[in-house]
Amino acid sequence: MEVVHKIGRRKTAVARVYVSEGKGNITINKRDLNEYFTTATLQYKVKQPFALTETEDSYDVKVNVYGGGITGQAEAVRLALSRAMCEINEENRSVLKPEGLLTRDPRMVERKKFGQKKARKKFQFSKR
């Protein structure tokens, strides 16, 4: 099997994932998964595609991720891994799709408008 390359995005985070056969090592920005994503919740999010397809220790993953915060980065990695698992085996799609792991979350920060404090918040109104 050759290396599978996929991209995942969430808010402003972009993750490039390179999946190859191996022993289940996940490297993110040249650091170990547990070192980069310290909380158990984020580690679970990243490993979710492997857990659902029951391939935890069969692939080595190398990830380059930048932009956004750590939660957005973890979800970007999850989307990229889900896409990679579908390319490796098309049958994984039927497992990942109902869980919503193949859907790109379109929610972005709304832009600030001129004449206002933020996107929706206005400056304080003074009647007199």
Protein backbone atom coordinates (compact mmCIF):
# COMPACT_ATOMS: atom_id res chain seq x y z
CA MET A 1 0.00 0.00 0.00
CA GLU A 2 1.32 3.45 -0.90
CA VAL A 3 0.90 6.54 1.27
CA VAL A 4 -2.63 8.03 1.25
CA HIS A 5 -2.75 11.84 1.45
CA LYS A 6 -5.94 13.67 2.49
CA ILE A 7 -6.88 17.16 3.74
CA GLY A 8 -9.40 18.04 6.46
CA ARG A 9 -10.59 21.51 7.49
CA ARG A 10 -12.56 22.94 10.43
CA LYS A 11 -13.06 26.69 10.99
CA THR A 12 -9.58 28.06 10.14
CA ALA A 13 -7.65 24.85 10.94
CA VAL A 14 -6.18 22.82 8.07
CA ALA A 15 -4.86 19.27 8.54
CA ARG A 16 -2.82 17.35 5.96
CA VAL A 17 -2.73 13.62 6.76
CA TYR A 18 -0.40 10.95 5.37
CA VAL A 19 -1.55 7.40 6.17
CA SER A 20 0.66 4.34 5.59
CA GLU A 21 0.68 0.76 6.87
CA GLY A 22 2.35 0.40 10.24
CA LYS A 23 1.89 -0.21 13.96
CA GLY A 24 -0.52 2.60 14.90
CA ASN A 25 1.89 5.51 15.53
CA ILE A 26 0.27 8.95 15.17
CA THR A 27 2.67 11.89 14.76
CA ILE A 28 1.31 15.45 14.68
CA ASN A 29 3.69 18.27 13.70
CA LYS A 30 6.67 15.96 14.50
CA ARG A 31 5.30 15.35 18.02
CA ASP A 32 3.48 12.36 19.50
CA LEU A 33 -0.35 12.44 19.62
CA ASN A 34 -0.43 12.44 23.46
CA GLU A 35 2.11 15.28 23.56
CA TYR A 36 0.30 17.50 21.00
CA PHE A 37 -3.31 16.87 22.10
CA THR A 38 -3.00 16.58 25.89
CA THR A 39 -6.68 16.12 26.81
CA ALA A 40 -8.37 12.72 26.51
CA THR A 41 -11.33 14.24 24.62
CA LEU A 42 -9.15 15.51 21.78
CA GLN A 43 -7.20 12.23 21.62
CA TYR A 44 -10.52 10.37 21.39
CA LYS A 45 -11.66 12.64 18.53
CA VAL A 46 -8.49 11.96 16.54
CA LYS A 47 -8.69 8.16 17.09
CA GLN A 48 -12.45 7.94 16.38
CA PRO A 49 -12.17 6.95 12.66
CA PHE A 50 -9.83 4.07 13.61
CA ALA A 51 -12.06 2.93 16.49
CA LEU A 52 -15.18 2.83 14.30
CA THR A 53 -13.44 0.96 11.45
CA GLU A 54 -11.62 -1.32 13.97
CA THR A 55 -8.15 -0.55 12.54
CA GLU A 56 -6.45 1.00 15.62
CA ASP A 57 -2.99 -0.56 15.24
CA SER A 58 -2.75 -1.13 11.49
CA TYR A 59 -1.77 2.33 10.14
CA ASP A 60 0.95 4.89 10.87
CA VAL A 61 -0.21 8.50 10.53
CA LYS A 62 1.86 11.62 9.91
CA VAL A 63 -0.06 14.90 10.27
CA ASN A 64 0.75 18.53 9.46
CA VAL A 65 -1.82 20.83 11.04
CA TYR A 66 -1.94 24.61 11.37
CA GLY A 67 -4.42 27.42 12.06
CA GLY A 68 -7.28 27.70 14.50
CA GLY A 69 -7.38 26.36 18.05
CA ILE A 70 -6.71 22.87 19.36
CA THR A 71 -10.33 21.67 19.13
CA GLY A 72 -10.63 22.86 15.52
CA GLN A 73 -7.31 21.19 14.72
CA ALA A 74 -8.41 17.89 16.29
CA GLU A 75 -11.65 17.92 14.29
CA ALA A 76 -9.76 18.79 11.09
CA VAL A 77 -7.48 15.79 11.69
CA ARG A 78 -10.54 13.60 12.33
CA LEU A 79 -12.14 14.62 9.01
CA ALA A 80 -8.90 14.00 7.08
CA LEU A 81 -8.44 10.56 8.70
CA SER A 82 -12.06 9.64 7.93
CA ARG A 83 -11.53 10.57 4.26
CA ALA A 84 -8.32 8.52 4.19
CA MET A 85 -10.07 5.47 5.69
CA CYS A 86 -12.71 5.70 2.94
CA GLU A 87 -10.05 5.78 0.23
CA ILE A 88 -8.26 2.76 1.73
CA ASN A 89 -11.45 0.70 1.95
CA GLU A 90 -14.76 1.88 0.45
CA GLU A 91 -16.73 -0.26 2.95
CA ASN A 92 -15.60 2.07 5.78
CA ARG A 93 -17.88 4.75 4.31
CA SER A 94 -21.03 2.97 5.52
CA VAL A 95 -19.62 3.00 9.09
CA LEU A 96 -18.29 6.58 9.16
CA LYS A 97 -21.12 8.38 7.31
CA PRO A 98 -23.90 7.76 9.90
CA GLU A 99 -21.57 9.07 12.64
CA GLY A 100 -21.17 12.34 10.70
CA LEU A 101 -17.38 12.03 10.34
CA LEU A 102 -17.37 12.62 6.58
CA THR A 103 -19.27 15.92 6.78
CA ARG A 104 -17.26 19.16 6.61
CA ASP A 105 -18.61 21.42 9.38
CA PRO A 106 -19.40 24.69 7.55
CA ARG A 107 -19.68 26.90 10.66
CA MET A 108 -17.22 29.79 10.52
CA VAL A 109 -16.77 32.98 12.54
CA GLU A 110 -19.08 35.69 11.23
CA ARG A 111 -17.26 38.78 9.99
CA LYS A 112 -17.31 42.05 11.91
CA LYS A 113 -19.43 44.76 10.24
CA PHE A 114 -18.45 48.42 10.05
CA GLY A 115 -20.31 50.77 12.39
CA GLN A 116 -20.69 47.93 14.91
CA LYS A 117 -18.62 46.63 17.81
CA LYS A 118 -18.58 42.99 16.62
CA ALA A 119 -20.50 40.87 14.09
CA ARG A 120 -23.88 41.37 15.81
CA LYS A 121 -23.12 43.57 18.84
CA LYS A 122 -23.78 47.27 18.33
CA PHE A 123 -22.23 50.32 19.96
CA GLN A 124 -24.16 51.58 22.98
CA PHE A 125 -27.16 53.68 21.89
CA SER A 126 -27.68 57.04 23.56
CA LYS A 127 -31.08 58.67 23.11
CA ARG A 128 -29.99 62.06 24.51
